């Protein structure tokens, strides 16, 4: 689906989409705008076995993403979406986002990432969903939000809004932070592959598939939580 088509879909417009979940193909019927945000959301992380609930994160912190196209910094606020922030802090702390590819880039809409490149790691977290948060912020340009495949199904995939996408607010997509440095870097993430990558194959083969079929795809080299002193200097 093109971006133009997705923008045409209003509250009464319906469309059917397929997405891969494990080995089963599921058809999902939604009557809502921006339907392309219905996708498989998968968590994968090294270390301990996944838990549905993460330990409470700091009230506010910053994460630096060092990427193939440059660096950007996200400021996270637990007050906005506590469940999402706790999970995000957990994932970053365990190095989950390192080497994650920006597998879905829709100019004027969103850039999406958060599928671990190691299928074995992904398998540990496939069902580690977290409960939804109330939407307290709007999906404005530069705001970061967890993806989902329906109510209470968030895991690890996140997206950054390229534009103001307020229509997503009513669908339950709750922003938990925003890009405070390097939005120009986010804007130049390679969009040549659009939505071509198959999430089922990413699940099955991980980065082996993405590197082979989409060699110019940008990716996160490393994501780290900045220390308080680094955060203070950044302000």
Protein backbone atom coordinates (compact mmCIF):
# COMPACT_ATOMS: atom_id res chain seq x y z
CA UNK A 1 0.00 0.00 0.00
CA UNK A 2 1.30 3.44 -0.90
CA UNK A 3 1.46 6.29 1.57
CA UNK A 4 -1.13 8.15 -0.49
CA UNK A 5 -3.51 5.22 -0.19
CA UNK A 6 -3.01 4.88 3.54
CA UNK A 7 -3.81 8.55 4.06
CA UNK A 8 -7.08 8.13 2.17
CA UNK A 9 -8.33 5.56 4.65
CA UNK A 10 -10.71 7.24 7.04
CA UNK A 11 -12.65 6.01 10.07
CA UNK A 12 -15.19 4.29 7.85
CA UNK A 13 -12.76 2.92 5.30
CA UNK A 14 -12.01 -0.77 5.60
CA UNK A 15 -9.11 -2.79 4.28
CA UNK A 16 -7.78 -6.28 4.72
CA UNK A 17 -4.13 -7.01 5.48
CA UNK A 18 -2.08 -10.15 5.93
CA UNK A 19 0.66 -10.49 8.48
CA UNK A 20 2.85 -13.34 9.60
CA UNK A 21 2.65 -14.69 13.14
CA UNK A 22 4.83 -17.76 13.75
CA UNK A 23 4.00 -20.17 10.91
CA UNK A 24 0.42 -19.06 10.46
CA UNK A 25 -0.80 -16.41 8.07
CA UNK A 26 -3.59 -14.34 9.57
CA UNK A 27 -5.97 -11.95 7.87
CA UNK A 28 -6.88 -8.91 9.91
CA UNK A 29 -9.86 -6.69 9.18
CA UNK A 30 -9.61 -3.11 10.45
CA UNK A 31 -11.88 -0.15 9.80
CA UNK A 32 -9.57 2.67 10.80
CA UNK A 33 -7.04 5.13 9.39
CA UNK A 34 -3.37 4.31 8.96
CA UNK A 35 -4.06 0.59 8.79
CA UNK A 36 -0.51 -0.17 7.79
CA UNK A 37 0.51 0.00 11.43
CA UNK A 38 -0.99 -3.46 11.90
CA UNK A 39 2.04 -5.71 11.87
CA UNK A 40 3.79 -8.46 13.69
CA UNK A 41 5.43 -7.12 16.84
CA UNK A 42 8.21 -9.30 18.14
CA UNK A 43 10.57 -9.01 21.08
CA UNK A 44 14.01 -10.51 21.08
CA UNK A 45 16.68 -9.88 23.61
CA UNK A 46 19.83 -11.53 24.88
CA UNK A 47 20.33 -12.60 28.46
CA UNK A 48 17.57 -13.63 30.82
CA UNK A 49 14.32 -15.22 29.76
CA UNK A 50 11.72 -12.59 28.90
CA UNK A 51 9.13 -11.43 31.37
CA UNK A 52 5.77 -9.88 30.60
CA UNK A 53 6.52 -7.09 33.07
CA UNK A 54 9.78 -5.16 33.24
CA UNK A 55 11.30 -3.43 36.25
CA UNK A 56 10.32 0.24 36.65
CA UNK A 57 12.52 2.53 34.57
CA UNK A 58 13.76 5.98 35.61
CA UNK A 59 11.20 8.76 35.29
CA UNK A 60 13.18 10.27 32.43
CA UNK A 61 16.26 9.20 30.49
CA UNK A 62 17.87 9.51 27.08
CA UNK A 63 18.96 6.86 24.62
CA UNK A 64 21.58 7.39 21.94
CA UNK A 65 21.16 5.45 18.72
CA UNK A 66 24.37 5.10 16.75
CA UNK A 67 23.29 4.16 13.25
CA UNK A 68 24.71 3.47 9.82
CA UNK A 69 23.36 6.84 8.66
CA UNK A 70 24.38 8.88 11.73
CA UNK A 71 23.32 9.29 15.35
CA UNK A 72 20.14 10.46 17.04
CA UNK A 73 18.99 10.78 20.65
CA UNK A 74 15.57 9.95 22.09
CA UNK A 75 14.30 11.40 25.36
CA UNK A 76 11.94 9.06 27.19
CA UNK A 77 9.30 10.04 29.77
CA UNK A 78 7.84 7.31 31.97
CA UNK A 79 4.86 9.47 32.88
CA UNK A 80 3.71 9.35 29.26
CA UNK A 81 3.48 5.56 28.98
CA UNK A 82 4.91 3.63 31.98
CA UNK A 83 4.48 0.10 30.64
CA UNK A 84 6.07 0.98 27.33
CA UNK A 85 8.93 2.88 28.93
CA UNK A 86 9.72 0.04 31.32
CA UNK A 87 9.92 -2.40 28.39
CA UNK A 88 11.97 0.00 26.24
CA UNK A 89 14.47 0.60 29.07
CA UNK A 90 14.78 -3.15 29.58
CA UNK A 91 15.41 -3.82 25.90
CA UNK A 92 17.99 -1.07 25.50
CA UNK A 93 19.76 -2.10 28.70
CA UNK A 94 20.15 -5.64 27.38
CA UNK A 95 21.42 -4.54 23.96
CA UNK A 96 18.35 -5.73 22.08
CA UNK A 97 18.29 -2.94 19.49
CA UNK A 98 21.93 -3.35 18.50
CA UNK A 99 22.13 -4.38 14.83
CA UNK A 100 18.36 -4.01 14.36
CA UNK A 101 17.44 -2.96 10.82
CA UNK A 102 15.06 -0.15 9.84
CA UNK A 103 12.97 -2.67 7.92
CA UNK A 104 9.99 -0.44 7.19
CA UNK A 105 10.39 3.15 6.02
CA UNK A 106 7.39 5.09 4.72
CA UNK A 107 8.34 8.72 3.94
CA UNK A 108 5.83 11.18 5.37
CA UNK A 109 4.53 8.56 7.79
CA UNK A 110 6.84 6.41 9.97
CA UNK A 111 10.11 4.50 10.20
CA UNK A 112 9.87 1.19 12.03
CA UNK A 113 12.41 -1.10 13.68
CA UNK A 114 12.74 -3.56 16.55
CA UNK A 115 12.95 -7.08 15.12
CA UNK A 116 16.06 -8.76 16.47
CA UNK A 117 18.45 -10.09 13.85
CA UNK A 118 18.97 -13.40 15.66
CA UNK A 119 16.01 -15.77 15.18
CA UNK A 120 16.97 -17.78 18.27
CA UNK A 121 16.84 -14.65 20.42
CA UNK A 122 13.51 -13.65 18.91
CA UNK A 123 12.01 -17.01 19.77
CA UNK A 124 12.53 -16.39 23.49
CA UNK A 125 10.39 -13.26 23.46
CA UNK A 126 7.69 -13.91 20.90
CA UNK A 127 4.86 -14.00 23.44
CA UNK A 128 6.24 -11.52 25.98
CA UNK A 129 3.55 -8.91 25.41
CA UNK A 130 2.87 -5.93 27.66
CA UNK A 131 -0.38 -4.21 28.51
CA UNK A 132 -1.41 -1.05 26.71
CA UNK A 133 -0.83 2.42 28.12
CA UNK A 134 -3.29 5.28 27.93
CA UNK A 135 -2.52 7.69 25.11
CA UNK A 136 -1.36 10.87 26.86
CA UNK A 137 0.67 12.38 24.01
CA UNK A 138 -0.03 12.80 20.33
CA UNK A 139 1.91 11.03 17.58
CA UNK A 140 3.69 14.16 16.44
CA UNK A 141 6.73 14.38 14.20
CA UNK A 142 9.74 12.91 15.99
CA UNK A 143 7.73 11.06 18.65
CA UNK A 144 8.52 7.39 19.23
CA UNK A 145 5.79 4.82 19.86
CA UNK A 146 5.47 1.07 20.30
CA UNK A 147 3.93 -0.89 17.46
CA UNK A 148 1.31 -3.56 18.09
CA UNK A 149 -0.91 -6.09 16.39
CA UNK A 150 -3.96 -5.31 18.51
CA UNK A 151 -4.86 -4.57 22.14
CA UNK A 152 -2.23 -5.53 24.73
CA UNK A 153 0.20 -7.01 22.18
CA UNK A 154 3.20 -4.66 22.33
CA UNK A 155 6.59 -6.35 22.45
CA UNK A 156 9.68 -4.73 20.90
CA UNK A 157 8.85 -3.03 17.62
CA UNK A 158 8.75 0.74 17.69
CA UNK A 159 8.26 3.47 15.14
CA UNK A 160 9.24 7.13 14.87
CA UNK A 161 6.77 9.50 13.27
CA UNK A 162 8.09 11.37 10.25
CA UNK A 163 5.06 13.66 10.30
CA UNK A 164 2.23 14.63 12.64
CA UNK A 165 0.08 11.49 12.72
CA UNK A 166 -2.63 12.41 15.19
CA UNK A 167 -4.99 9.89 13.61
CA UNK A 168 -2.97 7.15 15.33
CA UNK A 169 -3.85 8.51 18.77
CA UNK A 170 -7.41 7.21 18.56
CA UNK A 171 -6.13 3.75 17.65
CA UNK A 172 -4.31 3.42 20.96
CA UNK A 173 -0.73 4.07 19.83
CA UNK A 174 0.82 5.74 22.87
CA UNK A 175 4.06 7.74 22.36
CA UNK A 176 6.61 7.30 25.14
CA UNK A 177 9.38 9.65 24.03
CA UNK A 178 10.65 11.94 21.31
CA UNK A 179 13.75 12.57 19.24
CA UNK A 180 15.59 15.52 20.79
CA UNK A 181 18.77 15.36 18.71
CA UNK A 182 19.39 14.17 15.17
CA UNK A 183 15.94 14.25 13.61
CA UNK A 184 17.74 15.12 10.38
CA UNK A 185 19.43 11.73 10.67
CA UNK A 186 16.08 10.00 11.12
CA UNK A 187 14.81 11.81 8.03
CA UNK A 188 17.60 10.41 5.87
CA UNK A 189 17.19 6.75 6.84
CA UNK A 190 17.24 4.87 3.55
CA UNK A 191 13.70 4.49 2.26
CA UNK A 192 14.42 2.69 -1.02
CA UNK A 193 13.00 -0.62 0.23
CA UNK A 194 9.81 0.87 1.64
CA UNK A 195 7.67 -1.95 3.01
CA UNK A 196 9.14 -4.75 0.88
CA UNK A 197 10.84 -6.79 3.65
CA UNK A 198 8.82 -9.83 4.70
CA UNK A 199 8.41 -9.91 8.46
CA UNK A 200 7.88 -13.65 8.40
CA UNK A 201 11.28 -14.13 6.78
CA UNK A 202 12.87 -11.69 9.23
CA UNK A 203 11.46 -13.85 12.01
CA UNK A 204 12.77 -17.01 10.39
CA UNK A 205 16.17 -15.85 9.12
CA UNK A 206 16.85 -12.53 10.84
CA UNK A 207 19.59 -10.27 9.56
CA UNK A 208 20.87 -12.99 7.24
CA UNK A 209 17.78 -12.39 5.11
CA UNK A 210 17.86 -8.60 5.38
CA UNK A 211 21.56 -8.28 4.58
CA UNK A 212 21.20 -10.55 1.55
CA UNK A 213 18.04 -9.07 0.05
CA UNK A 214 18.34 -5.44 1.20
CA UNK A 215 22.08 -4.68 1.41
CA UNK A 216 21.66 -0.90 1.61
CA UNK A 217 19.17 -0.97 4.47
CA UNK A 218 20.18 1.33 7.33
CA UNK A 219 20.45 -0.09 10.83
CA UNK A 220 21.17 0.62 14.47
CA UNK A 221 24.79 -0.12 15.27
CA UNK A 222 24.33 0.43 18.98
CA UNK A 223 21.72 1.86 21.35
CA UNK A 224 22.82 2.99 24.81
CA UNK A 225 21.24 4.75 27.76
CA UNK A 226 23.08 8.00 28.38
CA UNK A 227 24.41 8.70 31.84
CA UNK A 228 22.85 11.59 33.77
CA UNK A 229 25.89 13.80 33.20
CA UNK A 230 25.70 13.20 29.46
CA UNK A 231 22.01 14.00 29.53
CA UNK A 232 22.63 17.27 31.38
CA UNK A 233 25.23 18.34 28.81
CA UNK A 234 22.83 17.55 26.00
CA UNK A 235 20.18 19.93 27.36
